[in-house]
Amino acid sequence: MSKISGSCLCGAVKYSAPVEPVVVALCHCTHCQRQSGAAFSVNVGIPKGSLQFSAGQPATYQDTGGSGLPVYRHFCRDCGSPIFSDVVASPQLDWLKAGTLTDTSWVKPAVIVWCESAQPWVAYPEGVPRFARNPPAAA
């Protein structure tokens, strides 16, 4: 893969990033559950600053993560689709919402976080490391 691209549901916000993904993480924190309207959020970590917008600019909601640090959640102001999150606790990455990607065929979770707040009926993929909260900084 040489370029990541995607858009919101209505197409008002379109983006690309000429990079390889760093990691794909499933997040079960209650904030991701609320923002996604689902049991968890599928997030693609890409190098911070590599995201480029070709149409529209997302609106931003400032949240507070489990670390106590800000999480800036960027979304389409027209259709409400979450686009990406800027998590101050992970300053080297931006976290794209996988559902906005043009091509999702390559998306496969490498880590699962915030399992302590996962819905009890969720089944985890085999062989994927799981953490009660966030993984240690070295993980």
N, C-alpha and C. Protein backbone atom coordinates (compact mmCIF):
# COMPACT_ATOMS: atom_id res chain seq x y z
N MET A 1 0.85 -1.17 0.00
CA MET A 1 0.00 0.00 0.00
C MET A 1 0.90 1.24 0.00
N SER A 2 0.58 2.19 -0.84
CA SER A 2 1.42 3.38 -0.90
C SER A 2 0.67 4.64 -0.51
N LYS A 3 -0.64 4.56 -0.42
CA LYS A 3 -1.39 5.75 -0.08
C LYS A 3 -2.70 5.35 0.59
N ILE A 4 -3.00 6.03 1.67
CA ILE A 4 -4.25 5.83 2.37
C ILE A 4 -5.19 6.94 1.95
N SER A 5 -6.45 6.62 1.70
CA SER A 5 -7.42 7.67 1.37
C SER A 5 -8.77 7.29 1.94
N GLY A 6 -9.63 8.30 2.06
CA GLY A 6 -10.96 8.05 2.58
C GLY A 6 -11.80 9.30 2.62
N SER A 7 -13.01 9.13 3.16
CA SER A 7 -13.93 10.26 3.25
C SER A 7 -14.99 9.96 4.30
N CYS A 8 -15.73 11.01 4.63
CA CYS A 8 -16.88 10.85 5.51
C CYS A 8 -18.04 10.25 4.71
N LEU A 9 -19.14 9.99 5.37
CA LEU A 9 -20.31 9.39 4.73
C LEU A 9 -20.84 10.23 3.58
N CYS A 10 -20.94 11.54 3.75
CA CYS A 10 -21.52 12.39 2.71
C CYS A 10 -20.51 12.87 1.67
N GLY A 11 -19.22 12.65 1.92
CA GLY A 11 -18.19 13.05 0.96
C GLY A 11 -17.72 14.49 1.09
N ALA A 12 -18.24 15.22 2.07
CA ALA A 12 -17.82 16.62 2.24
C ALA A 12 -16.38 16.73 2.72
N VAL A 13 -15.90 15.73 3.46
CA VAL A 13 -14.51 15.70 3.93
C VAL A 13 -13.82 14.51 3.28
N LYS A 14 -12.75 14.79 2.53
CA LYS A 14 -11.95 13.75 1.88
C LYS A 14 -10.51 13.93 2.28
N TYR A 15 -9.81 12.82 2.48
CA TYR A 15 -8.43 12.89 2.92
C TYR A 15 -7.57 11.85 2.22
N SER A 16 -6.26 12.05 2.34
CA SER A 16 -5.28 11.06 1.91
C SER A 16 -4.05 11.21 2.79
N ALA A 17 -3.23 10.19 2.77
CA ALA A 17 -1.98 10.19 3.51
C ALA A 17 -1.01 9.29 2.74
N PRO A 18 0.07 9.84 2.23
CA PRO A 18 1.02 9.05 1.42
C PRO A 18 1.98 8.25 2.29
N VAL A 19 1.43 7.45 3.20
CA VAL A 19 2.23 6.71 4.18
C VAL A 19 1.70 5.30 4.34
N GLU A 20 2.50 4.48 4.98
CA GLU A 20 2.06 3.15 5.39
C GLU A 20 1.46 3.28 6.79
N PRO A 21 0.44 2.52 7.11
CA PRO A 21 -0.10 2.56 8.47
C PRO A 21 0.94 2.03 9.46
N VAL A 22 0.93 2.58 10.67
CA VAL A 22 1.85 2.14 11.71
C VAL A 22 1.25 0.96 12.47
N VAL A 23 -0.05 1.05 12.80
CA VAL A 23 -0.71 0.02 13.58
C VAL A 23 -2.22 0.14 13.41
N VAL A 24 -2.91 -0.98 13.55
CA VAL A 24 -4.37 -0.98 13.59
C VAL A 24 -4.76 -1.45 14.99
N ALA A 25 -5.57 -0.62 15.67
CA ALA A 25 -5.97 -0.93 17.04
C ALA A 25 -7.48 -0.93 17.17
N LEU A 26 -7.99 -1.92 17.90
CA LEU A 26 -9.39 -1.91 18.28
C LEU A 26 -9.46 -1.28 19.66
N CYS A 27 -10.30 -0.27 19.84
CA CYS A 27 -10.41 0.40 21.13
C CYS A 27 -11.82 0.20 21.69
N HIS A 28 -11.86 -0.34 22.91
CA HIS A 28 -13.12 -0.61 23.60
C HIS A 28 -13.43 0.42 24.68
N CYS A 29 -12.72 1.56 24.71
CA CYS A 29 -13.01 2.56 25.74
C CYS A 29 -14.43 3.10 25.54
N THR A 30 -15.01 3.55 26.63
CA THR A 30 -16.41 4.00 26.56
C THR A 30 -16.57 5.23 25.66
N HIS A 31 -15.53 6.04 25.53
CA HIS A 31 -15.63 7.21 24.65
C HIS A 31 -15.66 6.79 23.18
N CYS A 32 -14.83 5.82 22.80
CA CYS A 32 -14.88 5.31 21.43
C CYS A 32 -16.21 4.61 21.15
N GLN A 33 -16.74 3.93 22.16
CA GLN A 33 -18.05 3.30 21.98
C GLN A 33 -19.11 4.36 21.69
N ARG A 34 -19.08 5.43 22.46
CA ARG A 34 -20.08 6.49 22.25
C ARG A 34 -19.89 7.19 20.92
N GLN A 35 -18.63 7.50 20.59
CA GLN A 35 -18.39 8.22 19.35
C GLN A 35 -18.76 7.37 18.13
N SER A 36 -18.45 6.09 18.17
CA SER A 36 -18.71 5.24 17.01
C SER A 36 -20.14 4.71 16.98
N GLY A 37 -20.81 4.69 18.15
CA GLY A 37 -22.13 4.09 18.21
C GLY A 37 -22.07 2.58 18.09
N ALA A 38 -20.91 2.02 18.43
CA ALA A 38 -20.70 0.58 18.30
C ALA A 38 -19.97 0.05 19.53
N ALA A 39 -19.70 -1.24 19.55
CA ALA A 39 -19.04 -1.85 20.70
C ALA A 39 -17.58 -1.44 20.83
N PHE A 40 -16.96 -1.04 19.73
CA PHE A 40 -15.57 -0.61 19.74
C PHE A 40 -15.30 0.19 18.47
N SER A 41 -14.15 0.82 18.44
CA SER A 41 -13.73 1.60 17.28
C SER A 41 -12.49 0.95 16.67
N VAL A 42 -12.44 0.88 15.34
CA VAL A 42 -11.29 0.36 14.63
C VAL A 42 -10.48 1.57 14.17
N ASN A 43 -9.25 1.70 14.71
CA ASN A 43 -8.43 2.88 14.48
C ASN A 43 -7.13 2.51 13.79
N VAL A 44 -6.76 3.31 12.79
CA VAL A 44 -5.52 3.10 12.04
C VAL A 44 -4.55 4.21 12.41
N GLY A 45 -3.46 3.84 13.07
CA GLY A 45 -2.45 4.82 13.45
C GLY A 45 -1.55 5.13 12.26
N ILE A 46 -1.43 6.43 11.96
CA ILE A 46 -0.53 6.89 10.89
C ILE A 46 0.38 7.97 11.47
N PRO A 47 1.54 8.20 10.87
CA PRO A 47 2.44 9.23 11.39
C PRO A 47 1.75 10.60 11.45
N LYS A 48 1.87 11.25 12.61
CA LYS A 48 1.26 12.57 12.81
C LYS A 48 1.77 13.54 11.74
N GLY A 49 0.85 14.32 11.22
CA GLY A 49 1.20 15.32 10.22
C GLY A 49 1.12 14.83 8.79
N SER A 50 0.85 13.54 8.58
CA SER A 50 0.83 13.01 7.21
C SER A 50 -0.55 13.11 6.56
N LEU A 51 -1.57 13.43 7.33
CA LEU A 51 -2.94 13.51 6.82
C LEU A 51 -3.13 14.81 6.03
N GLN A 52 -3.66 14.67 4.82
CA GLN A 52 -3.91 15.82 3.94
C GLN A 52 -5.37 15.80 3.52
N PHE A 53 -6.02 16.97 3.56
CA PHE A 53 -7.43 17.06 3.19
C PHE A 53 -7.57 17.65 1.79
N SER A 54 -8.30 16.94 0.92
CA SER A 54 -8.54 17.41 -0.44
C SER A 54 -9.93 18.04 -0.59
N ALA A 55 -10.79 17.82 0.39
CA ALA A 55 -12.12 18.44 0.41
C ALA A 55 -12.52 18.63 1.86
N GLY A 56 -13.04 19.80 2.16
CA GLY A 56 -13.56 20.09 3.49
C GLY A 56 -12.52 20.06 4.58
N GLN A 57 -12.91 20.52 5.72
CA GLN A 57 -12.10 20.46 6.94
C GLN A 57 -13.00 19.96 8.05
N PRO A 58 -12.54 18.97 8.81
CA PRO A 58 -13.40 18.44 9.87
C PRO A 58 -13.55 19.43 11.03
N ALA A 59 -14.67 19.31 11.71
CA ALA A 59 -14.89 20.03 12.96
C ALA A 59 -14.17 19.23 14.05
N THR A 60 -14.00 19.84 15.23
CA THR A 60 -13.26 19.19 16.31
C THR A 60 -14.02 19.26 17.61
N TYR A 61 -14.02 18.14 18.31
CA TYR A 61 -14.57 18.08 19.66
C TYR A 61 -13.42 17.71 20.59
N GLN A 62 -13.18 18.50 21.63
CA GLN A 62 -12.12 18.18 22.58
C GLN A 62 -12.68 17.32 23.70
N ASP A 63 -12.10 16.15 23.83
CA ASP A 63 -12.48 15.16 24.83
C ASP A 63 -11.30 15.00 25.79
N THR A 64 -11.46 14.19 26.81
CA THR A 64 -10.35 13.86 27.71
C THR A 64 -10.22 12.35 27.74
N GLY A 65 -9.02 11.86 27.45
CA GLY A 65 -8.78 10.43 27.42
C GLY A 65 -8.55 9.84 28.79
N GLY A 66 -8.42 8.54 28.85
CA GLY A 66 -8.17 7.84 30.11
C GLY A 66 -6.87 8.27 30.77
N SER A 67 -5.96 8.85 29.98
CA SER A 67 -4.69 9.36 30.51
C SER A 67 -4.87 10.68 31.25
N GLY A 68 -6.03 11.30 31.07
CA GLY A 68 -6.25 12.63 31.60
C GLY A 68 -5.85 13.73 30.63
N LEU A 69 -5.25 13.33 29.50
CA LEU A 69 -4.82 14.28 28.48
C LEU A 69 -5.90 14.45 27.41
N PRO A 70 -5.84 15.56 26.66
CA PRO A 70 -6.86 15.79 25.64
C PRO A 70 -6.84 14.77 24.50
N VAL A 71 -8.02 14.53 23.97
CA VAL A 71 -8.22 13.77 22.73
C VAL A 71 -9.05 14.67 21.84
N TYR A 72 -8.50 15.05 20.69
CA TYR A 72 -9.22 15.91 19.75
C TYR A 72 -9.86 15.01 18.71
N ARG A 73 -11.18 14.94 18.76
CA ARG A 73 -11.94 14.07 17.86
C ARG A 73 -12.46 14.90 16.69
N HIS A 74 -11.99 14.57 15.50
CA HIS A 74 -12.31 15.33 14.28
C HIS A 74 -13.41 14.58 13.51
N PHE A 75 -14.43 15.32 13.08
CA PHE A 75 -15.60 14.72 12.45
C PHE A 75 -16.16 15.66 11.37
N CYS A 76 -16.98 15.10 10.48
CA CYS A 76 -17.63 15.91 9.46
C CYS A 76 -18.77 16.69 10.10
N ARG A 77 -18.76 17.98 9.89
CA ARG A 77 -19.81 18.83 10.48
C ARG A 77 -21.15 18.65 9.76
N ASP A 78 -21.14 18.05 8.56
CA ASP A 78 -22.40 17.85 7.82
C ASP A 78 -23.08 16.53 8.18
N CYS A 79 -22.34 15.42 8.09
CA CYS A 79 -22.96 14.11 8.33
C CYS A 79 -22.60 13.50 9.68
N GLY A 80 -21.64 14.07 10.38
CA GLY A 80 -21.27 13.59 11.71
C GLY A 80 -20.28 12.45 11.75
N SER A 81 -19.83 11.97 10.59
CA SER A 81 -18.88 10.85 10.58
C SER A 81 -17.60 11.20 11.31
N PRO A 82 -17.16 10.34 12.24
CA PRO A 82 -15.85 10.56 12.85
C PRO A 82 -14.77 10.26 11.81
N ILE A 83 -13.76 11.13 11.70
CA ILE A 83 -12.71 10.96 10.69
C ILE A 83 -11.41 10.47 11.33
N PHE A 84 -10.93 11.23 12.34
CA PHE A 84 -9.71 10.82 13.02
C PHE A 84 -9.64 11.46 14.39
N SER A 85 -8.77 10.90 15.22
CA SER A 85 -8.53 11.44 16.55
C SER A 85 -7.06 11.78 16.72
N ASP A 86 -6.82 12.90 17.36
CA ASP A 86 -5.48 13.33 17.74
C ASP A 86 -5.41 13.12 19.25
N VAL A 87 -4.70 12.08 19.65
CA VAL A 87 -4.63 11.68 21.05
C VAL A 87 -3.30 12.21 21.61
N VAL A 88 -3.37 13.19 22.49
CA VAL A 88 -2.17 13.82 23.02
C VAL A 88 -1.25 12.80 23.68
N ALA A 89 -1.80 11.74 24.26
CA ALA A 89 -0.99 10.70 24.91
C ALA A 89 -0.19 9.87 23.90
N SER A 90 -0.52 9.93 22.62
CA SER A 90 0.28 9.26 21.58
C SER A 90 0.69 10.31 20.54
N PRO A 91 1.66 11.16 20.90
CA PRO A 91 1.99 12.34 20.09
C PRO A 91 2.58 12.06 18.72
N GLN A 92 3.00 10.84 18.46
CA GLN A 92 3.61 10.54 17.17
C GLN A 92 2.60 10.05 16.13
N LEU A 93 1.34 9.81 16.56
CA LEU A 93 0.34 9.23 15.66
C LEU A 93 -0.95 10.03 15.61
N ASP A 94 -1.60 9.99 14.45
CA ASP A 94 -3.01 10.35 14.32
C ASP A 94 -3.75 9.04 14.12
N TRP A 95 -5.00 8.98 14.57
CA TRP A 95 -5.77 7.73 14.55
C TRP A 95 -6.98 7.87 13.63
N LEU A 96 -6.85 7.35 12.40
CA LEU A 96 -7.96 7.37 11.44
C LEU A 96 -9.01 6.36 11.85
N LYS A 97 -10.26 6.70 11.62
CA LYS A 97 -11.36 5.76 11.84
C LYS A 97 -11.44 4.88 10.59
N ALA A 98 -11.20 3.58 10.77
CA ALA A 98 -11.08 2.65 9.63
C ALA A 98 -12.31 2.64 8.72
N GLY A 99 -13.49 2.90 9.29
CA GLY A 99 -14.70 2.90 8.48
C GLY A 99 -14.74 4.00 7.43
N THR A 100 -13.86 4.97 7.52
CA THR A 100 -13.83 6.06 6.53
C THR A 100 -12.87 5.78 5.38
N LEU A 101 -12.10 4.70 5.47
CA LEU A 101 -11.11 4.38 4.43
C LEU A 101 -11.79 3.96 3.13
N THR A 102 -11.20 4.35 2.02
CA THR A 102 -11.69 3.94 0.70
C THR A 102 -11.51 2.43 0.52
N ASP A 103 -10.35 1.92 0.91
CA ASP A 103 -10.05 0.49 0.81
C ASP A 103 -9.79 -0.05 2.20
N THR A 104 -10.63 -0.94 2.67
CA THR A 104 -10.45 -1.53 3.99
C THR A 104 -9.97 -2.98 3.92
N SER A 105 -9.65 -3.46 2.73
CA SER A 105 -9.30 -4.88 2.56
C SER A 105 -8.07 -5.29 3.35
N TRP A 106 -7.20 -4.38 3.67
CA TRP A 106 -5.95 -4.68 4.36
C TRP A 106 -6.05 -4.51 5.88
N VAL A 107 -7.14 -3.95 6.37
CA VAL A 107 -7.25 -3.63 7.79
C VAL A 107 -7.36 -4.91 8.62
N LYS A 108 -6.41 -5.08 9.54
CA LYS A 108 -6.40 -6.23 10.43
C LYS A 108 -5.85 -5.75 11.77
N PRO A 109 -6.57 -5.98 12.86
CA PRO A 109 -6.11 -5.47 14.15
C PRO A 109 -4.78 -6.09 14.59
N ALA A 110 -3.90 -5.23 15.13
CA ALA A 110 -2.62 -5.68 15.66
C ALA A 110 -2.62 -5.62 17.18
N VAL A 111 -3.57 -4.86 17.75
CA VAL A 111 -3.65 -4.71 19.20
C VAL A 111 -5.09 -4.35 19.58
N ILE A 112 -5.48 -4.76 20.78
CA ILE A 112 -6.82 -4.45 21.28
C ILE A 112 -6.65 -3.77 22.63
N VAL A 113 -7.23 -2.57 22.78
CA VAL A 113 -7.03 -1.80 24.01
C VAL A 113 -8.36 -1.52 24.71
N TRP A 114 -8.25 -1.18 25.98
CA TRP A 114 -9.37 -0.87 26.86
C TRP A 114 -10.37 -2.02 26.96
N CYS A 115 -9.82 -3.23 27.05
CA CYS A 115 -10.67 -4.42 27.18
C CYS A 115 -11.48 -4.43 28.46
N GLU A 116 -11.04 -3.70 29.49
CA GLU A 116 -11.78 -3.68 30.75
C GLU A 116 -13.16 -3.05 30.60
N SER A 117 -13.37 -2.26 29.53
CA SER A 117 -14.69 -1.66 29.31
C SER A 117 -15.37 -2.24 28.07
N ALA A 118 -14.88 -3.37 27.58
CA ALA A 118 -15.49 -4.02 26.41
C ALA A 118 -16.87 -4.56 26.77
N GLN A 119 -17.74 -4.60 25.79
CA GLN A 119 -19.04 -5.22 25.97
C GLN A 119 -18.82 -6.71 26.24
N PRO A 120 -19.57 -7.31 27.15
CA PRO A 120 -19.30 -8.70 27.55
C PRO A 120 -19.52 -9.72 26.43
N TRP A 121 -20.23 -9.37 25.39
CA TRP A 121 -20.51 -10.32 24.32
C TRP A 121 -19.50 -10.26 23.17
N VAL A 122 -18.52 -9.34 23.25
CA VAL A 122 -17.54 -9.20 22.18
C VAL A 122 -16.57 -10.38 22.18
N ALA A 123 -16.35 -10.96 21.00
CA ALA A 123 -15.36 -12.02 20.83
C ALA A 123 -14.09 -11.40 20.26
N TYR A 124 -12.95 -11.77 20.82
CA TYR A 124 -11.67 -11.21 20.38
C TYR A 124 -11.05 -12.09 19.31
N PRO A 125 -10.41 -11.47 18.31
CA PRO A 125 -9.68 -12.28 17.33
C PRO A 125 -8.51 -13.01 18.00
N GLU A 126 -8.25 -14.23 17.61
CA GLU A 126 -7.17 -15.01 18.20
C GLU A 126 -5.81 -14.42 17.84
N GLY A 127 -4.91 -14.49 18.81
CA GLY A 127 -3.53 -14.11 18.56
C GLY A 127 -3.25 -12.61 18.59
N VAL A 128 -4.25 -11.79 18.85
CA VAL A 128 -4.04 -10.33 18.88
C VAL A 128 -3.84 -9.92 20.34
N PRO A 129 -2.72 -9.24 20.64
CA PRO A 129 -2.47 -8.82 22.03
C PRO A 129 -3.59 -7.92 22.55
N ARG A 130 -3.96 -8.16 23.83
CA ARG A 130 -5.04 -7.40 24.48
C ARG A 130 -4.51 -6.73 25.73
N PHE A 131 -5.05 -5.56 26.01
CA PHE A 131 -4.65 -4.80 27.20
C PHE A 131 -5.90 -4.29 27.90
N ALA A 132 -5.88 -4.31 29.23
CA ALA A 132 -7.00 -3.82 30.01
C ALA A 132 -7.26 -2.35 29.72
N ARG A 133 -6.19 -1.60 29.59
CA ARG A 133 -6.28 -0.17 29.23
C ARG A 133 -5.38 0.05 28.03
N ASN A 134 -4.51 1.05 28.08
CA ASN A 134 -3.54 1.25 27.00
C ASN A 134 -2.32 0.37 27.25
N PRO A 135 -1.64 -0.03 26.18
CA PRO A 135 -0.43 -0.83 26.37
C PRO A 135 0.67 0.02 26.98
N PRO A 136 1.68 -0.61 27.58
CA PRO A 136 2.83 0.14 28.07
C PRO A 136 3.46 0.90 26.90
N ALA A 137 4.11 1.99 27.17
CA ALA A 137 4.71 2.84 26.13
C ALA A 137 5.61 2.07 25.19
N ALA A 138 6.29 1.05 25.67
CA ALA A 138 7.21 0.29 24.84
C ALA A 138 6.51 -0.74 23.97
N ALA A 139 5.23 -1.00 24.21
CA ALA A 139 4.51 -2.05 23.46
C ALA A 139 4.08 -1.56 22.09
